[in-house]
């Protein structure tokens, strides 16, 4: 496939993600796979790039959360095609990423976007869901031995639970690397509670994770 044609295909994937057209995303990703486009290129230049651009528009107020949600589902349709091929392509897992939204917080949109981007970047993702108490994080860390733990909060009222969970994890597993994020979270808050990194969006979360484990 010529470079111009491949770039157009990646552009079409990004546009389909923006337009939250799951069927088109799936079809375009299948086409890219059939034409032997590199898996990492499909994920990073197509799916992730499309989602990141939307994330920037969300921050600037050009798009709103419902659009982010349906576009994340469209990206997921593309990732469903890619996931079985990662092992076949010889792409080794970078590590295990365990994630959950803290206790009393019922939001999962941002978390789901993070999940998709981590999977596309080569991590095995263990998703504990929403409203996760610190005890459940502790049990899951014992079971899955993750390289990185991600804590999410979308409400200012649940920031205290993020602080409690971080303290509980660090007390039980001092070497565990913790990344925190969500709308009310800041670098200062992350430093205050003893997290290893703060990520303002999913792309930054992957970068920070790679740095923390030397991937």
C-alpha atoms as a PDB file:
ATOM      1  CA  UNK A   1       0.000   0.000   0.000  1.00  0.00           C
ATOM      2  CA  UNK A   2       1.290   3.436  -0.938  1.00  0.00           C
ATOM      3  CA  UNK A   3       1.985   5.923   1.820  1.00  0.00           C
ATOM      4  CA  UNK A   4      -0.622   8.395   0.576  1.00  0.00           C
ATOM      5  CA  UNK A   5      -3.308   5.707   0.493  1.00  0.00           C
ATOM      6  CA  UNK A   6      -2.363   4.536   3.992  1.00  0.00           C
ATOM      7  CA  UNK A   7      -2.467   8.098   5.346  1.00  0.00           C
ATOM      8  CA  UNK A   8      -5.900   8.557   3.783  1.00  0.00           C
ATOM      9  CA  UNK A   9      -7.099   5.336   5.418  1.00  0.00           C
ATOM     10  CA  UNK A  10      -5.840   6.519   8.830  1.00  0.00           C
ATOM     11  CA  UNK A  11      -7.574   9.848   8.213  1.00  0.00           C
ATOM     12  CA  UNK A  12     -10.803   8.005   7.392  1.00  0.00           C
ATOM     13  CA  UNK A  13     -10.519   6.011  10.643  1.00  0.00           C
ATOM     14  CA  UNK A  14     -10.012   9.196  12.654  1.00  0.00           C
ATOM     15  CA  UNK A  15     -13.009  10.807  10.961  1.00  0.00           C
ATOM     16  CA  UNK A  16     -15.191   7.762  11.630  1.00  0.00           C
ATOM     17  CA  UNK A  17     -14.193   7.918  15.316  1.00  0.00           C
ATOM     18  CA  UNK A  18     -15.073  11.637  15.401  1.00  0.00           C
ATOM     19  CA  UNK A  19     -18.429  10.857  13.783  1.00  0.00           C
ATOM     20  CA  UNK A  20     -18.955   8.003  16.282  1.00  0.00           C
ATOM     21  CA  UNK A  21     -19.677   5.602  13.421  1.00  0.00           C
ATOM     22  CA  UNK A  22     -18.850   2.221  14.972  1.00  0.00           C
ATOM     23  CA  UNK A  23     -19.694   0.195  11.860  1.00  0.00           C
ATOM     24  CA  UNK A  24     -17.476   2.343   9.661  1.00  0.00           C
ATOM     25  CA  UNK A  25     -14.609   2.262  12.166  1.00  0.00           C
ATOM     26  CA  UNK A  26     -14.806  -1.540  12.296  1.00  0.00           C
ATOM     27  CA  UNK A  27     -14.911  -1.835   8.498  1.00  0.00           C
ATOM     28  CA  UNK A  28     -11.985   0.563   8.002  1.00  0.00           C
ATOM     29  CA  UNK A  29      -9.845  -1.179  10.610  1.00  0.00           C
ATOM     30  CA  UNK A  30     -10.621  -4.540   8.990  1.00  0.00           C
ATOM     31  CA  UNK A  31      -9.605  -3.038   5.636  1.00  0.00           C
ATOM     32  CA  UNK A  32      -6.343  -1.730   7.106  1.00  0.00           C
ATOM     33  CA  UNK A  33      -5.581  -5.138   8.629  1.00  0.00           C
ATOM     34  CA  UNK A  34      -6.363  -6.889   5.331  1.00  0.00           C
ATOM     35  CA  UNK A  35      -3.982  -4.534   3.542  1.00  0.00           C
ATOM     36  CA  UNK A  36      -1.286  -5.346   6.115  1.00  0.00           C
ATOM     37  CA  UNK A  37      -0.982  -1.910   7.659  1.00  0.00           C
ATOM     38  CA  UNK A  38       1.160  -2.118  10.813  1.00  0.00           C
ATOM     39  CA  UNK A  39      -0.996  -2.765  13.891  1.00  0.00           C
ATOM     40  CA  UNK A  40       0.684   0.016  15.871  1.00  0.00           C
ATOM     41  CA  UNK A  41       0.010   2.449  13.024  1.00  0.00           C
ATOM     42  CA  UNK A  42      -3.694   1.566  12.993  1.00  0.00           C
ATOM     43  CA  UNK A  43      -3.957   2.023  16.752  1.00  0.00           C
ATOM     44  CA  UNK A  44      -1.826   5.131  17.192  1.00  0.00           C
ATOM     45  CA  UNK A  45      -2.349   7.059  13.930  1.00  0.00           C
ATOM     46  CA  UNK A  46      -5.965   6.033  13.475  1.00  0.00           C
ATOM     47  CA  UNK A  47      -7.910   5.131  16.608  1.00  0.00           C
ATOM     48  CA  UNK A  48      -5.922   6.811  19.385  1.00  0.00           C
ATOM     49  CA  UNK A  49      -5.162   9.908  17.326  1.00  0.00           C
ATOM     50  CA  UNK A  50      -8.854  10.323  16.584  1.00  0.00           C
ATOM     51  CA  UNK A  51      -9.796   9.981  20.238  1.00  0.00           C
ATOM     52  CA  UNK A  52      -7.044  12.342  21.406  1.00  0.00           C
ATOM     53  CA  UNK A  53      -8.229  15.037  18.993  1.00  0.00           C
ATOM     54  CA  UNK A  54     -11.724  14.705  20.431  1.00  0.00           C
ATOM     55  CA  UNK A  55     -10.318  14.920  23.938  1.00  0.00           C
ATOM     56  CA  UNK A  56      -8.689  18.242  23.056  1.00  0.00           C
ATOM     57  CA  UNK A  57     -12.007  19.518  21.681  1.00  0.00           C
ATOM     58  CA  UNK A  58     -13.741  18.398  24.869  1.00  0.00           C
ATOM     59  CA  UNK A  59     -11.277  20.396  26.973  1.00  0.00           C
ATOM     60  CA  UNK A  60     -11.881  23.499  24.870  1.00  0.00           C
ATOM     61  CA  UNK A  61     -15.669  23.090  25.075  1.00  0.00           C
ATOM     62  CA  UNK A  62     -16.163  22.301  21.368  1.00  0.00           C
ATOM     63  CA  UNK A  63     -17.651  18.872  22.086  1.00  0.00           C
ATOM     64  CA  UNK A  64     -19.429  17.476  25.133  1.00  0.00           C
ATOM     65  CA  UNK A  65     -19.364  14.290  27.197  1.00  0.00           C
ATOM     66  CA  UNK A  66     -22.140  12.426  25.300  1.00  0.00           C
ATOM     67  CA  UNK A  67     -20.115  12.795  22.084  1.00  0.00           C
ATOM     68  CA  UNK A  68     -16.986  11.544  23.839  1.00  0.00           C
ATOM     69  CA  UNK A  69     -18.916   8.510  25.073  1.00  0.00           C
ATOM     70  CA  UNK A  70     -20.258   7.439  21.678  1.00  0.00           C
ATOM     71  CA  UNK A  71     -16.896   8.085  20.011  1.00  0.00           C
ATOM     72  CA  UNK A  72     -15.198   5.952  22.664  1.00  0.00           C
ATOM     73  CA  UNK A  73     -17.608   3.153  21.729  1.00  0.00           C
ATOM     74  CA  UNK A  74     -16.675   3.604  18.081  1.00  0.00           C
ATOM     75  CA  UNK A  75     -13.001   3.381  18.991  1.00  0.00           C
ATOM     76  CA  UNK A  76     -13.826   0.239  20.960  1.00  0.00           C
ATOM     77  CA  UNK A  77     -15.305  -1.327  17.818  1.00  0.00           C
ATOM     78  CA  UNK A  78     -11.953  -0.832  16.119  1.00  0.00           C
ATOM     79  CA  UNK A  79     -10.010  -2.142  19.109  1.00  0.00           C
ATOM     80  CA  UNK A  80     -12.169  -5.290  19.108  1.00  0.00           C
ATOM     81  CA  UNK A  81     -10.736  -6.064  15.662  1.00  0.00           C
ATOM     82  CA  UNK A  82      -7.181  -5.279  16.771  1.00  0.00           C
ATOM     83  CA  UNK A  83      -6.988  -7.054  20.144  1.00  0.00           C
ATOM     84  CA  UNK A  84      -6.838 -10.663  18.851  1.00  0.00           C
ATOM     85  CA  UNK A  85      -4.072  -9.636  16.447  1.00  0.00           C
ATOM     86  CA  UNK A  86      -1.710  -8.090  19.001  1.00  0.00           C
ATOM     87  CA  UNK A  87      -0.274 -11.429  20.134  1.00  0.00           C
ATOM     88  CA  UNK A  88      -0.132 -12.738  16.557  1.00  0.00           C
ATOM     89  CA  UNK A  89       1.820  -9.645  15.558  1.00  0.00           C
ATOM     90  CA  UNK A  90       4.389 -10.462  18.216  1.00  0.00           C
ATOM     91  CA  UNK A  91       3.541  -7.367  20.219  1.00  0.00           C
ATOM     92  CA  UNK A  92       4.389  -8.342  23.781  1.00  0.00           C
ATOM     93  CA  UNK A  93       2.424  -6.970  26.675  1.00  0.00           C
ATOM     94  CA  UNK A  94       4.257  -4.084  28.280  1.00  0.00           C
ATOM     95  CA  UNK A  95       2.721  -4.899  31.620  1.00  0.00           C
ATOM     96  CA  UNK A  96      -0.497  -5.195  33.599  1.00  0.00           C
ATOM     97  CA  UNK A  97      -2.548  -2.038  34.187  1.00  0.00           C
ATOM     98  CA  UNK A  98      -5.202  -2.291  36.896  1.00  0.00           C
ATOM     99  CA  UNK A  99      -7.756   0.514  36.948  1.00  0.00           C
ATOM    100  CA  UNK A 100     -10.933   1.515  38.736  1.00  0.00           C
ATOM    101  CA  UNK A 101     -13.079   4.508  39.640  1.00  0.00           C
ATOM    102  CA  UNK A 102     -12.865   5.158  43.382  1.00  0.00           C
ATOM    103  CA  UNK A 103     -15.588   4.512  45.951  1.00  0.00           C
ATOM    104  CA  UNK A 104     -18.843   6.491  45.571  1.00  0.00           C
ATOM    105  CA  UNK A 105     -17.889   7.674  42.064  1.00  0.00           C
ATOM    106  CA  UNK A 106     -20.110   6.162  39.365  1.00  0.00           C
ATOM    107  CA  UNK A 107     -18.452   7.630  36.267  1.00  0.00           C
ATOM    108  CA  UNK A 108     -16.683   5.402  33.775  1.00  0.00           C
ATOM    109  CA  UNK A 109     -16.476   7.313  30.481  1.00  0.00           C
ATOM    110  CA  UNK A 110     -12.966   8.636  31.006  1.00  0.00           C
ATOM    111  CA  UNK A 111     -11.857   5.316  32.461  1.00  0.00           C
ATOM    112  CA  UNK A 112     -13.111   3.436  29.429  1.00  0.00           C
ATOM    113  CA  UNK A 113     -11.161   5.715  27.103  1.00  0.00           C
ATOM    114  CA  UNK A 114      -8.041   5.132  29.193  1.00  0.00           C
ATOM    115  CA  UNK A 115      -8.652   1.371  28.987  1.00  0.00           C
ATOM    116  CA  UNK A 116      -8.885   1.405  25.200  1.00  0.00           C
ATOM    117  CA  UNK A 117      -5.719   3.444  24.792  1.00  0.00           C
ATOM    118  CA  UNK A 118      -3.748   1.298  27.251  1.00  0.00           C
ATOM    119  CA  UNK A 119      -4.861  -1.869  25.451  1.00  0.00           C
ATOM    120  CA  UNK A 120      -3.883  -0.356  22.125  1.00  0.00           C
ATOM    121  CA  UNK A 121      -0.503   0.562  23.578  1.00  0.00           C
ATOM    122  CA  UNK A 122       0.242  -3.031  24.557  1.00  0.00           C
ATOM    123  CA  UNK A 123      -0.903  -3.303  28.172  1.00  0.00           C
ATOM    124  CA  UNK A 124      -3.110  -6.002  29.650  1.00  0.00           C
ATOM    125  CA  UNK A 125      -5.941  -4.062  31.313  1.00  0.00           C
ATOM    126  CA  UNK A 126      -7.760  -5.265  34.426  1.00  0.00           C
ATOM    127  CA  UNK A 127     -10.827  -3.047  34.895  1.00  0.00           C
ATOM    128  CA  UNK A 128     -12.436  -3.101  38.350  1.00  0.00           C
ATOM    129  CA  UNK A 129     -15.291  -0.859  37.230  1.00  0.00           C
ATOM    130  CA  UNK A 130     -16.877   1.990  39.179  1.00  0.00           C
ATOM    131  CA  UNK A 131     -17.499   2.671  42.882  1.00  0.00           C
ATOM    132  CA  UNK A 132     -14.484   0.556  43.882  1.00  0.00           C
ATOM    133  CA  UNK A 133     -13.595   0.550  47.614  1.00  0.00           C
ATOM    134  CA  UNK A 134      -9.956   0.448  48.672  1.00  0.00           C
ATOM    135  CA  UNK A 135     -10.325  -3.143  49.929  1.00  0.00           C
ATOM    136  CA  UNK A 136     -11.275  -4.296  46.428  1.00  0.00           C
ATOM    137  CA  UNK A 137      -8.203  -2.576  44.970  1.00  0.00           C
ATOM    138  CA  UNK A 138      -6.037  -4.359  47.564  1.00  0.00           C
ATOM    139  CA  UNK A 139      -7.572  -7.762  46.737  1.00  0.00           C
ATOM    140  CA  UNK A 140      -7.141  -7.167  42.993  1.00  0.00           C
ATOM    141  CA  UNK A 141      -3.504  -6.116  43.397  1.00  0.00           C
ATOM    142  CA  UNK A 142      -2.821  -9.319  45.338  1.00  0.00           C
ATOM    143  CA  UNK A 143      -4.498 -11.371  42.605  1.00  0.00           C
ATOM    144  CA  UNK A 144      -3.209  -9.682  39.439  1.00  0.00           C
ATOM    145  CA  UNK A 145       0.165  -8.244  40.529  1.00  0.00           C
ATOM    146  CA  UNK A 146      -0.161  -5.164  38.291  1.00  0.00           C
ATOM    147  CA  UNK A 147       2.774  -3.055  37.145  1.00  0.00           C
ATOM    148  CA  UNK A 148       0.654   0.109  37.322  1.00  0.00           C
ATOM    149  CA  UNK A 149      -2.553   0.997  39.180  1.00  0.00           C
ATOM    150  CA  UNK A 150      -4.849   3.731  37.844  1.00  0.00           C
ATOM    151  CA  UNK A 151      -7.303   5.558  40.128  1.00  0.00           C
ATOM    152  CA  UNK A 152     -10.070   7.691  38.591  1.00  0.00           C
ATOM    153  CA  UNK A 153     -12.388  10.282  40.130  1.00  0.00           C
ATOM    154  CA  UNK A 154     -14.769  12.664  38.384  1.00  0.00           C
ATOM    155  CA  UNK A 155     -16.291  14.288  41.472  1.00  0.00           C
ATOM    156  CA  UNK A 156     -14.629  16.611  43.972  1.00  0.00           C
ATOM    157  CA  UNK A 157     -16.557  14.781  46.692  1.00  0.00           C
ATOM    158  CA  UNK A 158     -14.764  11.503  45.906  1.00  0.00           C
ATOM    159  CA  UNK A 159     -11.238  12.940  45.953  1.00  0.00           C
ATOM    160  CA  UNK A 160     -11.018  12.016  49.639  1.00  0.00           C
ATOM    161  CA  UNK A 161     -11.675   8.386  48.663  1.00  0.00           C
ATOM    162  CA  UNK A 162      -8.858   8.560  46.119  1.00  0.00           C
ATOM    163  CA  UNK A 163      -6.582   9.793  48.909  1.00  0.00           C
ATOM    164  CA  UNK A 164      -7.712   6.963  51.201  1.00  0.00           C
ATOM    165  CA  UNK A 165      -7.242   4.324  48.488  1.00  0.00           C
ATOM    166  CA  UNK A 166      -3.778   5.591  47.566  1.00  0.00           C
ATOM    167  CA  UNK A 167      -2.724   5.461  51.230  1.00  0.00           C
ATOM    168  CA  UNK A 168      -4.133   1.939  51.651  1.00  0.00           C
ATOM    169  CA  UNK A 169      -2.331   0.654  48.555  1.00  0.00           C
ATOM    170  CA  UNK A 170       0.976   2.292  49.472  1.00  0.00           C
ATOM    171  CA  UNK A 171       0.712   0.930  53.017  1.00  0.00           C
ATOM    172  CA  UNK A 172       0.135  -2.646  51.828  1.00  0.00           C
ATOM    173  CA  UNK A 173       2.245  -2.552  48.646  1.00  0.00           C
ATOM    174  CA  UNK A 174       4.812   0.282  48.986  1.00  0.00           C
ATOM    175  CA  UNK A 175       6.387  -0.426  45.594  1.00  0.00           C
ATOM    176  CA  UNK A 176       3.128  -0.172  43.622  1.00  0.00           C
ATOM    177  CA  UNK A 177       3.124   2.589  41.006  1.00  0.00           C
ATOM    178  CA  UNK A 178      -0.082   4.652  41.070  1.00  0.00           C
ATOM    179  CA  UNK A 179      -1.359   7.038  38.399  1.00  0.00           C
ATOM    180  CA  UNK A 180      -4.316   9.284  39.250  1.00  0.00           C
ATOM    181  CA  UNK A 181      -6.592  11.298  36.998  1.00  0.00           C
ATOM    182  CA  UNK A 182     -10.039  12.748  36.450  1.00  0.00           C
ATOM    183  CA  UNK A 183     -11.684  16.138  36.093  1.00  0.00           C
ATOM    184  CA  UNK A 184     -11.028  17.527  39.603  1.00  0.00           C
ATOM    185  CA  UNK A 185      -7.543  16.033  39.999  1.00  0.00           C
ATOM    186  CA  UNK A 186      -4.399  18.174  39.738  1.00  0.00           C
ATOM    187  CA  UNK A 187      -0.661  17.594  39.932  1.00  0.00           C
ATOM    188  CA  UNK A 188      -0.624  19.236  43.359  1.00  0.00           C
ATOM    189  CA  UNK A 189      -3.307  16.874  44.644  1.00  0.00           C
ATOM    190  CA  UNK A 190      -1.460  13.861  43.204  1.00  0.00           C
ATOM    191  CA  UNK A 191       1.711  14.974  44.996  1.00  0.00           C
ATOM    192  CA  UNK A 192      -0.202  15.601  48.215  1.00  0.00           C
ATOM    193  CA  UNK A 193      -1.695  12.095  48.376  1.00  0.00           C
ATOM    194  CA  UNK A 194       1.520  10.310  47.405  1.00  0.00           C
ATOM    195  CA  UNK A 195       0.612   9.139  43.895  1.00  0.00           C
ATOM    196  CA  UNK A 196       3.501   8.420  41.529  1.00  0.00           C
ATOM    197  CA  UNK A 197       2.018  10.321  38.595  1.00  0.00           C
ATOM    198  CA  UNK A 198      -0.857  12.525  37.505  1.00  0.00           C
ATOM    199  CA  UNK A 199      -2.329  12.325  34.005  1.00  0.00           C
ATOM    200  CA  UNK A 200      -4.702  14.925  32.604  1.00  0.00           C
ATOM    201  CA  UNK A 201      -5.796  12.625  29.770  1.00  0.00           C
ATOM    202  CA  UNK A 202      -5.482   9.063  28.494  1.00  0.00           C
ATOM    203  CA  UNK A 203      -2.543   9.710  26.164  1.00  0.00           C
ATOM    204  CA  UNK A 204      -0.528  11.296  28.973  1.00  0.00           C
ATOM    205  CA  UNK A 205      -1.470   8.376  31.246  1.00  0.00           C
ATOM    206  CA  UNK A 206       0.179   5.934  28.837  1.00  0.00           C
ATOM    207  CA  UNK A 207       3.288   8.124  28.577  1.00  0.00           C
ATOM    208  CA  UNK A 208       3.555   8.322  32.370  1.00  0.00           C
ATOM    209  CA  UNK A 209       3.008   4.558  32.706  1.00  0.00           C
ATOM    210  CA  UNK A 210       5.749   3.828  30.178  1.00  0.00           C
ATOM    211  CA  UNK A 211       8.117   6.109  32.093  1.00  0.00           C
ATOM    212  CA  UNK A 212       7.275   4.537  35.455  1.00  0.00           C
ATOM    213  CA  UNK A 213       8.030   0.994  34.304  1.00  0.00           C
ATOM    214  CA  UNK A 214      10.728   1.856  31.775  1.00  0.00           C
ATOM    215  CA  UNK A 215       8.750   0.535  28.797  1.00  0.00           C
END
